[in-house]
Amino acid sequence: MDNGILGFIASLLTDYPLPPFILSLVAGVPSMILYIAEVVILLRNGQTFGSAFYSLFLIRALIHIVSYFNSYLSIRFGRLGLFYSAYEAAGSLPIAIDYFLR
């Protein structure tokens, strides 16, 4: 019985593009909101958080935020077929940026 349920879940997540997209939105958007809030707090209180650790954290956070949004453009939206004309116009630029940031 478990193999049937697990097989159904596995086929749902691999054969259809929408369920993984929704799961990534449910987990990713709140996480990104918290991540951006951390960056805003660190930038507003720059005098308090002035050590090298926080500077490195901000640089890494900005790269992660850009990479997160770029992964939606280059991977997730492409699998759904959204913005097809924009993909044709952009060519391989979003994918190249995504590989560069990893």
PDB file of N, CA and C in Angstrom:
ATOM      1  N   MET A   1       0.828  -1.200   0.000  1.00  0.00           N
ATOM      2  CA  MET A   1       0.000   0.000   0.000  1.00  0.00           C
ATOM      3  C   MET A   1       0.863   1.251   0.000  1.00  0.00           C
ATOM      4  N   ASP A   2       1.969   1.230   0.773  1.00  0.00           N
ATOM      5  CA  ASP A   2       2.829   2.408   0.836  1.00  0.00           C
ATOM      6  C   ASP A   2       3.480   2.685  -0.509  1.00  0.00           C
ATOM      7  N   ASN A   3       3.867   1.606  -1.221  1.00  0.00           N
ATOM      8  CA  ASN A   3       4.502   1.798  -2.517  1.00  0.00           C
ATOM      9  C   ASN A   3       3.534   2.457  -3.493  1.00  0.00           C
ATOM     10  N   GLY A   4       2.268   2.167  -3.383  1.00  0.00           N
ATOM     11  CA  GLY A   4       1.269   2.788  -4.245  1.00  0.00           C
ATOM     12  C   GLY A   4       1.142   4.279  -3.976  1.00  0.00           C
ATOM     13  N   ILE A   5       1.090   4.637  -2.705  1.00  0.00           N
ATOM     14  CA  ILE A   5       0.985   6.052  -2.341  1.00  0.00           C
ATOM     15  C   ILE A   5       2.277   6.781  -2.686  1.00  0.00           C
ATOM     16  N   LEU A   6       3.413   6.171  -2.340  1.00  0.00           N
ATOM     17  CA  LEU A   6       4.691   6.807  -2.652  1.00  0.00           C
ATOM     18  C   LEU A   6       4.918   6.892  -4.154  1.00  0.00           C
ATOM     19  N   GLY A   7       4.483   5.878  -4.879  1.00  0.00           N
ATOM     20  CA  GLY A   7       4.588   5.917  -6.333  1.00  0.00           C
ATOM     21  C   GLY A   7       3.721   7.018  -6.927  1.00  0.00           C
ATOM     22  N   PHE A   8       2.530   7.193  -6.363  1.00  0.00           N
ATOM     23  CA  PHE A   8       1.645   8.267  -6.830  1.00  0.00           C
ATOM     24  C   PHE A   8       2.260   9.637  -6.561  1.00  0.00           C
ATOM     25  N   ILE A   9       2.819   9.829  -5.375  1.00  0.00           N
ATOM     26  CA  ILE A   9       3.450  11.106  -5.036  1.00  0.00           C
ATOM     27  C   ILE A   9       4.664  11.353  -5.922  1.00  0.00           C
ATOM     28  N   ALA A  10       5.449  10.309  -6.149  1.00  0.00           N
ATOM     29  CA  ALA A  10       6.633  10.462  -7.010  1.00  0.00           C
ATOM     30  C   ALA A  10       6.225  10.811  -8.435  1.00  0.00           C
ATOM     31  N   SER A  11       5.193  10.179  -8.958  1.00  0.00           N
ATOM     32  CA  SER A  11       4.763  10.507 -10.322  1.00  0.00           C
ATOM     33  C   SER A  11       4.132  11.891 -10.376  1.00  0.00           C
ATOM     34  N   LEU A  12       3.455  12.285  -9.320  1.00  0.00           N
ATOM     35  CA  LEU A  12       2.860  13.622  -9.271  1.00  0.00           C
ATOM     36  C   LEU A  12       3.934  14.701  -9.301  1.00  0.00           C
ATOM     37  N   LEU A  13       5.044  14.457  -8.593  1.00  0.00           N
ATOM     38  CA  LEU A  13       6.110  15.453  -8.523  1.00  0.00           C
ATOM     39  C   LEU A  13       7.032  15.440  -9.732  1.00  0.00           C
ATOM     40  N   THR A  14       7.074  14.337 -10.471  1.00  0.00           N
ATOM     41  CA  THR A  14       7.996  14.274 -11.610  1.00  0.00           C
ATOM     42  C   THR A  14       7.304  14.408 -12.958  1.00  0.00           C
ATOM     43  N   ASP A  15       6.075  13.941 -13.072  1.00  0.00           N
ATOM     44  CA  ASP A  15       5.403  13.941 -14.366  1.00  0.00           C
ATOM     45  C   ASP A  15       4.637  15.228 -14.656  1.00  0.00           C
ATOM     46  N   TYR A  16       4.238  15.944 -13.635  1.00  0.00           N
ATOM     47  CA  TYR A  16       3.441  17.154 -13.812  1.00  0.00           C
ATOM     48  C   TYR A  16       4.245  18.354 -13.328  1.00  0.00           C
ATOM     49  N   PRO A  17       4.291  19.427 -14.101  1.00  0.00           N
ATOM     50  CA  PRO A  17       5.137  20.562 -13.704  1.00  0.00           C
ATOM     51  C   PRO A  17       4.532  21.461 -12.626  1.00  0.00           C
ATOM     52  N   LEU A  18       3.235  21.479 -12.449  1.00  0.00           N
ATOM     53  CA  LEU A  18       2.623  22.424 -11.525  1.00  0.00           C
ATOM     54  C   LEU A  18       2.812  22.090 -10.038  1.00  0.00           C
ATOM     55  N   PRO A  19       2.651  20.841  -9.577  1.00  0.00           N
ATOM     56  CA  PRO A  19       2.818  20.584  -8.134  1.00  0.00           C
ATOM     57  C   PRO A  19       4.196  20.951  -7.575  1.00  0.00           C
ATOM     58  N   PRO A  20       5.317  20.624  -8.242  1.00  0.00           N
ATOM     59  CA  PRO A  20       6.597  21.063  -7.684  1.00  0.00           C
ATOM     60  C   PRO A  20       6.740  22.585  -7.682  1.00  0.00           C
ATOM     61  N   PHE A  21       6.145  23.239  -8.662  1.00  0.00           N
ATOM     62  CA  PHE A  21       6.180  24.693  -8.717  1.00  0.00           C
ATOM     63  C   PHE A  21       5.439  25.291  -7.528  1.00  0.00           C
ATOM     64  N   ILE A  22       4.274  24.744  -7.208  1.00  0.00           N
ATOM     65  CA  ILE A  22       3.493  25.236  -6.068  1.00  0.00           C
ATOM     66  C   ILE A  22       4.222  24.956  -4.760  1.00  0.00           C
ATOM     67  N   LEU A  23       4.812  23.772  -4.623  1.00  0.00           N
ATOM     68  CA  LEU A  23       5.571  23.457  -3.404  1.00  0.00           C
ATOM     69  C   LEU A  23       6.755  24.392  -3.227  1.00  0.00           C
ATOM     70  N   SER A  24       7.441  24.704  -4.316  1.00  0.00           N
ATOM     71  CA  SER A  24       8.582  25.610  -4.195  1.00  0.00           C
ATOM     72  C   SER A  24       8.129  27.020  -3.850  1.00  0.00           C
ATOM     73  N   LEU A  25       6.965  27.426  -4.328  1.00  0.00           N
ATOM     74  CA  LEU A  25       6.437  28.735  -3.943  1.00  0.00           C
ATOM     75  C   LEU A  25       6.046  28.769  -2.473  1.00  0.00           C
ATOM     76  N   VAL A  26       5.399  27.707  -2.004  1.00  0.00           N
ATOM     77  CA  VAL A  26       4.956  27.657  -0.607  1.00  0.00           C
ATOM     78  C   VAL A  26       6.150  27.702   0.344  1.00  0.00           C
ATOM     79  N   ALA A  27       7.221  27.026  -0.003  1.00  0.00           N
ATOM     80  CA  ALA A  27       8.404  27.017   0.866  1.00  0.00           C
ATOM     81  C   ALA A  27       9.325  28.200   0.593  1.00  0.00           C
ATOM     82  N   GLY A  28       9.421  28.609  -0.662  1.00  0.00           N
ATOM     83  CA  GLY A  28      10.414  29.599  -1.037  1.00  0.00           C
ATOM     84  C   GLY A  28      10.050  31.039  -0.763  1.00  0.00           C
ATOM     85  N   VAL A  29       8.800  31.409  -0.998  1.00  0.00           N
ATOM     86  CA  VAL A  29       8.412  32.817  -0.842  1.00  0.00           C
ATOM     87  C   VAL A  29       8.522  33.277   0.616  1.00  0.00           C
ATOM     88  N   PRO A  30       7.997  32.544   1.602  1.00  0.00           N
ATOM     89  CA  PRO A  30       8.196  32.999   2.986  1.00  0.00           C
ATOM     90  C   PRO A  30       9.672  33.036   3.394  1.00  0.00           C
ATOM     91  N   SER A  31      10.443  32.067   2.915  1.00  0.00           N
ATOM     92  CA  SER A  31      11.875  32.065   3.232  1.00  0.00           C
ATOM     93  C   SER A  31      12.561  33.277   2.633  1.00  0.00           C
ATOM     94  N   MET A  32      12.202  33.625   1.407  1.00  0.00           N
ATOM     95  CA  MET A  32      12.823  34.777   0.765  1.00  0.00           C
ATOM     96  C   MET A  32      12.401  36.075   1.440  1.00  0.00           C
ATOM     97  N   ILE A  33      11.169  36.152   1.909  1.00  0.00           N
ATOM     98  CA  ILE A  33      10.711  37.340   2.633  1.00  0.00           C
ATOM     99  C   ILE A  33      11.529  37.510   3.911  1.00  0.00           C
ATOM    100  N   LEU A  34      11.754  36.423   4.638  1.00  0.00           N
ATOM    101  CA  LEU A  34      12.574  36.499   5.852  1.00  0.00           C
ATOM    102  C   LEU A  34      14.025  36.861   5.537  1.00  0.00           C
ATOM    103  N   TYR A  35      14.548  36.322   4.452  1.00  0.00           N
ATOM    104  CA  TYR A  35      15.921  36.603   4.040  1.00  0.00           C
ATOM    105  C   TYR A  35      16.081  38.083   3.681  1.00  0.00           C
ATOM    106  N   ILE A  36      15.114  38.619   2.947  1.00  0.00           N
ATOM    107  CA  ILE A  36      15.157  40.035   2.590  1.00  0.00           C
ATOM    108  C   ILE A  36      14.999  40.902   3.834  1.00  0.00           C
ATOM    109  N   ALA A  37      14.170  40.472   4.780  1.00  0.00           N
ATOM    110  CA  ALA A  37      14.020  41.216   6.042  1.00  0.00           C
ATOM    111  C   ALA A  37      15.341  41.247   6.811  1.00  0.00           C
ATOM    112  N   GLU A  38      16.076  40.139   6.821  1.00  0.00           N
ATOM    113  CA  GLU A  38      17.391  40.129   7.469  1.00  0.00           C
ATOM    114  C   GLU A  38      18.332  41.140   6.829  1.00  0.00           C
ATOM    115  N   VAL A  39      18.330  41.171   5.513  1.00  0.00           N
ATOM    116  CA  VAL A  39      19.212  42.096   4.800  1.00  0.00           C
ATOM    117  C   VAL A  39      18.830  43.537   5.112  1.00  0.00           C
ATOM    118  N   VAL A  40      17.539  43.835   5.134  1.00  0.00           N
ATOM    119  CA  VAL A  40      17.081  45.192   5.434  1.00  0.00           C
ATOM    120  C   VAL A  40      17.486  45.593   6.850  1.00  0.00           C
ATOM    121  N   ILE A  41      17.324  44.696   7.802  1.00  0.00           N
ATOM    122  CA  ILE A  41      17.708  44.992   9.194  1.00  0.00           C
ATOM    123  C   ILE A  41      19.202  45.251   9.293  1.00  0.00           C
ATOM    124  N   LEU A  42      19.994  44.444   8.622  1.00  0.00           N
ATOM    125  CA  LEU A  42      21.444  44.645   8.669  1.00  0.00           C
ATOM    126  C   LEU A  42      21.857  45.946   7.979  1.00  0.00           C
ATOM    127  N   LEU A  43      21.197  46.301   6.906  1.00  0.00           N
ATOM    128  CA  LEU A  43      21.535  47.541   6.213  1.00  0.00           C
ATOM    129  C   LEU A  43      21.105  48.780   7.000  1.00  0.00           C
ATOM    130  N   ARG A  44      19.970  48.710   7.673  1.00  0.00           N
ATOM    131  CA  ARG A  44      19.496  49.858   8.463  1.00  0.00           C
ATOM    132  C   ARG A  44      20.348  50.087   9.703  1.00  0.00           C
ATOM    133  N   ASN A  45      20.885  49.032  10.266  1.00  0.00           N
ATOM    134  CA  ASN A  45      21.699  49.136  11.479  1.00  0.00           C
ATOM    135  C   ASN A  45      23.158  48.870  11.157  1.00  0.00           C
ATOM    136  N   GLY A  46      23.662  49.553  10.159  1.00  0.00           N
ATOM    137  CA  GLY A  46      25.025  49.329   9.696  1.00  0.00           C
ATOM    138  C   GLY A  46      26.090  49.640  10.729  1.00  0.00           C
ATOM    139  N   GLN A  47      25.833  50.612  11.594  1.00  0.00           N
ATOM    140  CA  GLN A  47      26.821  50.956  12.614  1.00  0.00           C
ATOM    141  C   GLN A  47      26.943  49.857  13.665  1.00  0.00           C
ATOM    142  N   THR A  48      25.830  49.243  14.015  1.00  0.00           N
ATOM    143  CA  THR A  48      25.852  48.175  15.017  1.00  0.00           C
ATOM    144  C   THR A  48      26.467  46.909  14.442  1.00  0.00           C
ATOM    145  N   PHE A  49      26.116  46.604  13.205  1.00  0.00           N
ATOM    146  CA  PHE A  49      26.615  45.398  12.555  1.00  0.00           C
ATOM    147  C   PHE A  49      27.673  45.782  11.529  1.00  0.00           C
ATOM    148  N   GLY A  50      28.820  46.236  11.993  1.00  0.00           N
ATOM    149  CA  GLY A  50      29.828  46.740  11.083  1.00  0.00           C
ATOM    150  C   GLY A  50      31.015  45.816  10.886  1.00  0.00           C
ATOM    151  N   SER A  51      30.971  44.611  11.425  1.00  0.00           N
ATOM    152  CA  SER A  51      32.131  43.731  11.314  1.00  0.00           C
ATOM    153  C   SER A  51      32.179  43.074   9.937  1.00  0.00           C
ATOM    154  N   ALA A  52      33.290  42.414   9.677  1.00  0.00           N
ATOM    155  CA  ALA A  52      33.491  41.761   8.385  1.00  0.00           C
ATOM    156  C   ALA A  52      32.503  40.611   8.181  1.00  0.00           C
ATOM    157  N   PHE A  53      32.107  39.950   9.261  1.00  0.00           N
ATOM    158  CA  PHE A  53      31.151  38.850   9.135  1.00  0.00           C
ATOM    159  C   PHE A  53      29.857  39.330   8.508  1.00  0.00           C
ATOM    160  N   TYR A  54      29.325  40.446   8.958  1.00  0.00           N
ATOM    161  CA  TYR A  54      28.060  40.941   8.434  1.00  0.00           C
ATOM    162  C   TYR A  54      28.198  41.442   7.001  1.00  0.00           C
ATOM    163  N   SER A  55      29.353  41.981   6.669  1.00  0.00           N
ATOM    164  CA  SER A  55      29.589  42.391   5.279  1.00  0.00           C
ATOM    165  C   SER A  55      29.605  41.173   4.362  1.00  0.00           C
ATOM    166  N   LEU A  56      30.279  40.125   4.779  1.00  0.00           N
ATOM    167  CA  LEU A  56      30.294  38.895   3.981  1.00  0.00           C
ATOM    168  C   LEU A  56      28.907  38.258   3.907  1.00  0.00           C
ATOM    169  N   PHE A  57      28.164  38.322   5.010  1.00  0.00           N
ATOM    170  CA  PHE A  57      26.803  37.795   5.013  1.00  0.00           C
ATOM    171  C   PHE A  57      25.935  38.549   4.020  1.00  0.00           C
ATOM    172  N   LEU A  58      26.053  39.875   3.976  1.00  0.00           N
ATOM    173  CA  LEU A  58      25.255  40.676   3.049  1.00  0.00           C
ATOM    174  C   LEU A  58      25.591  40.360   1.595  1.00  0.00           C
ATOM    175  N   ILE A  59      26.858  40.206   1.307  1.00  0.00           N
ATOM    176  CA  ILE A  59      27.258  39.873  -0.064  1.00  0.00           C
ATOM    177  C   ILE A  59      26.692  38.518  -0.470  1.00  0.00           C
ATOM    178  N   ARG A  60      26.829  37.549   0.425  1.00  0.00           N
ATOM    179  CA  ARG A  60      26.311  36.216   0.122  1.00  0.00           C
ATOM    180  C   ARG A  60      24.789  36.222   0.030  1.00  0.00           C
ATOM    181  N   ALA A  61      24.135  36.997   0.891  1.00  0.00           N
ATOM    182  CA  ALA A  61      22.675  37.072   0.860  1.00  0.00           C
ATOM    183  C   ALA A  61      22.182  37.678  -0.449  1.00  0.00           C
ATOM    184  N   LEU A  62      22.835  38.714  -0.925  1.00  0.00           N
ATOM    185  CA  LEU A  62      22.429  39.323  -2.188  1.00  0.00           C
ATOM    186  C   LEU A  62      22.591  38.348  -3.351  1.00  0.00           C
ATOM    187  N   ILE A  63      23.662  37.574  -3.342  1.00  0.00           N
ATOM    188  CA  ILE A  63      23.871  36.574  -4.389  1.00  0.00           C
ATOM    189  C   ILE A  63      22.790  35.499  -4.313  1.00  0.00           C
ATOM    190  N   HIS A  64      22.425  35.073  -3.117  1.00  0.00           N
ATOM    191  CA  HIS A  64      21.388  34.050  -2.971  1.00  0.00           C
ATOM    192  C   HIS A  64      20.027  34.563  -3.418  1.00  0.00           C
ATOM    193  N   ILE A  65      19.718  35.816  -3.103  1.00  0.00           N
ATOM    194  CA  ILE A  65      18.427  36.382  -3.488  1.00  0.00           C
ATOM    195  C   ILE A  65      18.331  36.493  -5.003  1.00  0.00           C
ATOM    196  N   VAL A  66      19.393  36.982  -5.638  1.00  0.00           N
ATOM    197  CA  VAL A  66      19.397  37.083  -7.102  1.00  0.00           C
ATOM    198  C   VAL A  66      19.305  35.691  -7.720  1.00  0.00           C
ATOM    199  N   SER A  67      20.013  34.733  -7.164  1.00  0.00           N
ATOM    200  CA  SER A  67      19.989  33.368  -7.687  1.00  0.00           C
ATOM    201  C   SER A  67      18.613  32.732  -7.520  1.00  0.00           C
ATOM    202  N   TYR A  68      17.943  33.026  -6.422  1.00  0.00           N
ATOM    203  CA  TYR A  68      16.602  32.483  -6.187  1.00  0.00           C
ATOM    204  C   TYR A  68      15.628  32.971  -7.252  1.00  0.00           C
ATOM    205  N   PHE A  69      15.620  34.280  -7.486  1.00  0.00           N
ATOM    206  CA  PHE A  69      14.704  34.827  -8.490  1.00  0.00           C
ATOM    207  C   PHE A  69      15.098  34.390  -9.896  1.00  0.00           C
ATOM    208  N   ASN A  70      16.384  34.281 -10.141  1.00  0.00           N
ATOM    209  CA  ASN A  70      16.834  33.842 -11.460  1.00  0.00           C
ATOM    210  C   ASN A  70      16.479  32.371 -11.701  1.00  0.00           C
ATOM    211  N   SER A  71      16.472  31.556 -10.648  1.00  0.00           N
ATOM    212  CA  SER A  71      16.097  30.152 -10.837  1.00  0.00           C
ATOM    213  C   SER A  71      14.633  30.028 -11.232  1.00  0.00           C
ATOM    214  N   TYR A  72      13.789  30.944 -10.749  1.00  0.00           N
ATOM    215  CA  TYR A  72      12.404  30.924 -11.201  1.00  0.00           C
ATOM    216  C   TYR A  72      12.317  31.264 -12.678  1.00  0.00           C
ATOM    217  N   LEU A  73      13.115  32.224 -13.113  1.00  0.00           N
ATOM    218  CA  LEU A  73      13.074  32.601 -14.528  1.00  0.00           C
ATOM    219  C   LEU A  73      13.640  31.513 -15.421  1.00  0.00           C
ATOM    220  N   SER A  74      14.771  30.925 -15.000  1.00  0.00           N
ATOM    221  CA  SER A  74      15.456  30.008 -15.905  1.00  0.00           C
ATOM    222  C   SER A  74      14.989  28.562 -15.798  1.00  0.00           C
ATOM    223  N   ILE A  75      14.444  28.151 -14.661  1.00  0.00           N
ATOM    224  CA  ILE A  75      14.091  26.743 -14.489  1.00  0.00           C
ATOM    225  C   ILE A  75      12.580  26.553 -14.304  1.00  0.00           C
ATOM    226  N   ARG A  76      12.025  27.169 -13.287  1.00  0.00           N
ATOM    227  CA  ARG A  76      10.651  26.837 -12.919  1.00  0.00           C
ATOM    228  C   ARG A  76       9.629  27.381 -13.901  1.00  0.00           C
ATOM    229  N   PHE A  77       9.737  28.652 -14.286  1.00  0.00           N
ATOM    230  CA  PHE A  77       8.781  29.191 -15.249  1.00  0.00           C
ATOM    231  C   PHE A  77       8.944  28.521 -16.609  1.00  0.00           C
ATOM    232  N   GLY A  78      10.169  28.159 -16.962  1.00  0.00           N
ATOM    233  CA  GLY A  78      10.402  27.494 -18.238  1.00  0.00           C
ATOM    234  C   GLY A  78       9.744  26.141 -18.315  1.00  0.00           C
ATOM    235  N   ARG A  79       9.717  25.440 -17.219  1.00  0.00           N
ATOM    236  CA  ARG A  79       9.081  24.121 -17.215  1.00  0.00           C
ATOM    237  C   ARG A  79       7.568  24.230 -17.366  1.00  0.00           C
ATOM    238  N   LEU A  80       6.999  25.313 -16.842  1.00  0.00           N
ATOM    239  CA  LEU A  80       5.559  25.509 -16.973  1.00  0.00           C
ATOM    240  C   LEU A  80       5.174  26.066 -18.343  1.00  0.00           C
ATOM    241  N   GLY A  81       6.133  26.639 -19.053  1.00  0.00           N
ATOM    242  CA  GLY A  81       5.838  27.233 -20.351  1.00  0.00           C
ATOM    243  C   GLY A  81       5.356  28.667 -20.259  1.00  0.00           C
ATOM    244  N   LEU A  82       5.492  29.276 -19.069  1.00  0.00           N
ATOM    245  CA  LEU A  82       5.099  30.665 -18.918  1.00  0.00           C
ATOM    246  C   LEU A  82       6.144  31.566 -19.560  1.00  0.00           C
ATOM    247  N   PHE A  83       5.723  32.679 -20.074  1.00  0.00           N
ATOM    248  CA  PHE A  83       6.606  33.701 -20.645  1.00  0.00           C
ATOM    249  C   PHE A  83       7.474  33.132 -21.765  1.00  0.00           C
ATOM    250  N   TYR A  84       6.888  32.317 -22.614  1.00  0.00           N
ATOM    251  CA  TYR A  84       7.667  31.680 -23.668  1.00  0.00           C
ATOM    252  C   TYR A  84       8.308  32.707 -24.597  1.00  0.00           C
ATOM    253  N   SER A  85       7.585  33.764 -24.922  1.00  0.00           N
ATOM    254  CA  SER A  85       8.146  34.783 -25.813  1.00  0.00           C
ATOM    255  C   SER A  85       9.316  35.501 -25.153  1.00  0.00           C
ATOM    256  N   ALA A  86       9.265  35.676 -23.825  1.00  0.00           N
ATOM    257  CA  ALA A  86      10.389  36.300 -23.121  1.00  0.00           C
ATOM    258  C   ALA A  86      11.605  35.388 -23.141  1.00  0.00           C
ATOM    259  N   TYR A  87      11.384  34.067 -23.058  1.00  0.00           N
ATOM    260  CA  TYR A  87      12.507  33.121 -23.137  1.00  0.00           C
ATOM    261  C   TYR A  87      13.160  33.155 -24.510  1.00  0.00           C
ATOM    262  N   GLU A  88      12.334  33.275 -25.534  1.00  0.00           N
ATOM    263  CA  GLU A  88      12.902  33.357 -26.880  1.00  0.00           C
ATOM    264  C   GLU A  88      13.724  34.624 -27.050  1.00  0.00           C
ATOM    265  N   ALA A  89      13.263  35.727 -26.478  1.00  0.00           N
ATOM    266  CA  ALA A  89      13.991  36.995 -26.595  1.00  0.00           C
ATOM    267  C   ALA A  89      15.267  36.984 -25.766  1.00  0.00           C
ATOM    268  N   ALA A  90      15.228  36.368 -24.571  1.00  0.00           N
ATOM    269  CA  ALA A  90      16.392  36.376 -23.671  1.00  0.00           C
ATOM    270  C   ALA A  90      17.449  35.375 -24.097  1.00  0.00           C
ATOM    271  N   GLY A  91      17.046  34.343 -24.801  1.00  0.00           N
ATOM    272  CA  GLY A  91      18.008  33.330 -25.202  1.00  0.00           C
ATOM    273  C   GLY A  91      18.506  32.547 -24.002  1.00  0.00           C
ATOM    274  N   SER A  92      19.795  32.361 -23.923  1.00  0.00           N
ATOM    275  CA  SER A  92      20.367  31.564 -22.837  1.00  0.00           C
ATOM    276  C   SER A  92      20.889  32.437 -21.693  1.00  0.00           C
ATOM    277  N   LEU A  93      20.591  33.721 -21.685  1.00  0.00           N
ATOM    278  CA  LEU A  93      21.114  34.612 -20.648  1.00  0.00           C
ATOM    279  C   LEU A  93      20.680  34.213 -19.231  1.00  0.00           C
ATOM    280  N   PRO A  94      19.383  33.969 -18.938  1.00  0.00           N
ATOM    281  CA  PRO A  94      19.020  33.571 -17.569  1.00  0.00           C
ATOM    282  C   PRO A  94      19.705  32.282 -17.116  1.00  0.00           C
ATOM    283  N   ILE A  95      19.846  31.329 -18.009  1.00  0.00           N
ATOM    284  CA  ILE A  95      20.502  30.074 -17.648  1.00  0.00           C
ATOM    285  C   ILE A  95      21.990  30.308 -17.396  1.00  0.00           C
ATOM    286  N   ALA A  96      22.619  31.157 -18.198  1.00  0.00           N
ATOM    287  CA  ALA A  96      24.031  31.463 -17.993  1.00  0.00           C
ATOM    288  C   ALA A  96      24.246  32.176 -16.673  1.00  0.00           C
ATOM    289  N   ILE A  97      23.359  33.081 -16.303  1.00  0.00           N
ATOM    290  CA  ILE A  97      23.478  33.775 -15.011  1.00  0.00           C
ATOM    291  C   ILE A  97      23.304  32.779 -13.885  1.00  0.00           C
ATOM    292  N   ASP A  98      22.346  31.874 -14.021  1.00  0.00           N
ATOM    293  CA  ASP A  98      22.114  30.882 -12.972  1.00  0.00           C
ATOM    294  C   ASP A  98      23.355  29.997 -12.768  1.00  0.00           C
ATOM    295  N   TYR A  99      23.975  29.545 -13.842  1.00  0.00           N
ATOM    296  CA  TYR A  99      25.185  28.723 -13.710  1.00  0.00           C
ATOM    297  C   TYR A  99      26.340  29.527 -13.148  1.00  0.00           C
ATOM    298  N   PHE A 100      26.430  30.796 -13.494  1.00  0.00           N
ATOM    299  CA  PHE A 100      27.508  31.642 -12.986  1.00  0.00           C
ATOM    300  C   PHE A 100      27.379  31.853 -11.483  1.00  0.00           C
ATOM    301  N   LEU A 101      26.156  31.986 -10.976  1.00  0.00           N
ATOM    302  CA  LEU A 101      25.945  32.259  -9.560  1.00  0.00           C
ATOM    303  C   LEU A 101      26.084  31.027  -8.682  1.00  0.00           C
ATOM    304  N   ARG A 102      26.108  29.850  -9.258  1.00  0.00           N
ATOM    305  CA  ARG A 102      26.218  28.634  -8.436  1.00  0.00           C
ATOM    306  C   ARG A 102      27.627  28.274  -8.178  1.00  0.00           C
TER     307      ARG A 102
END
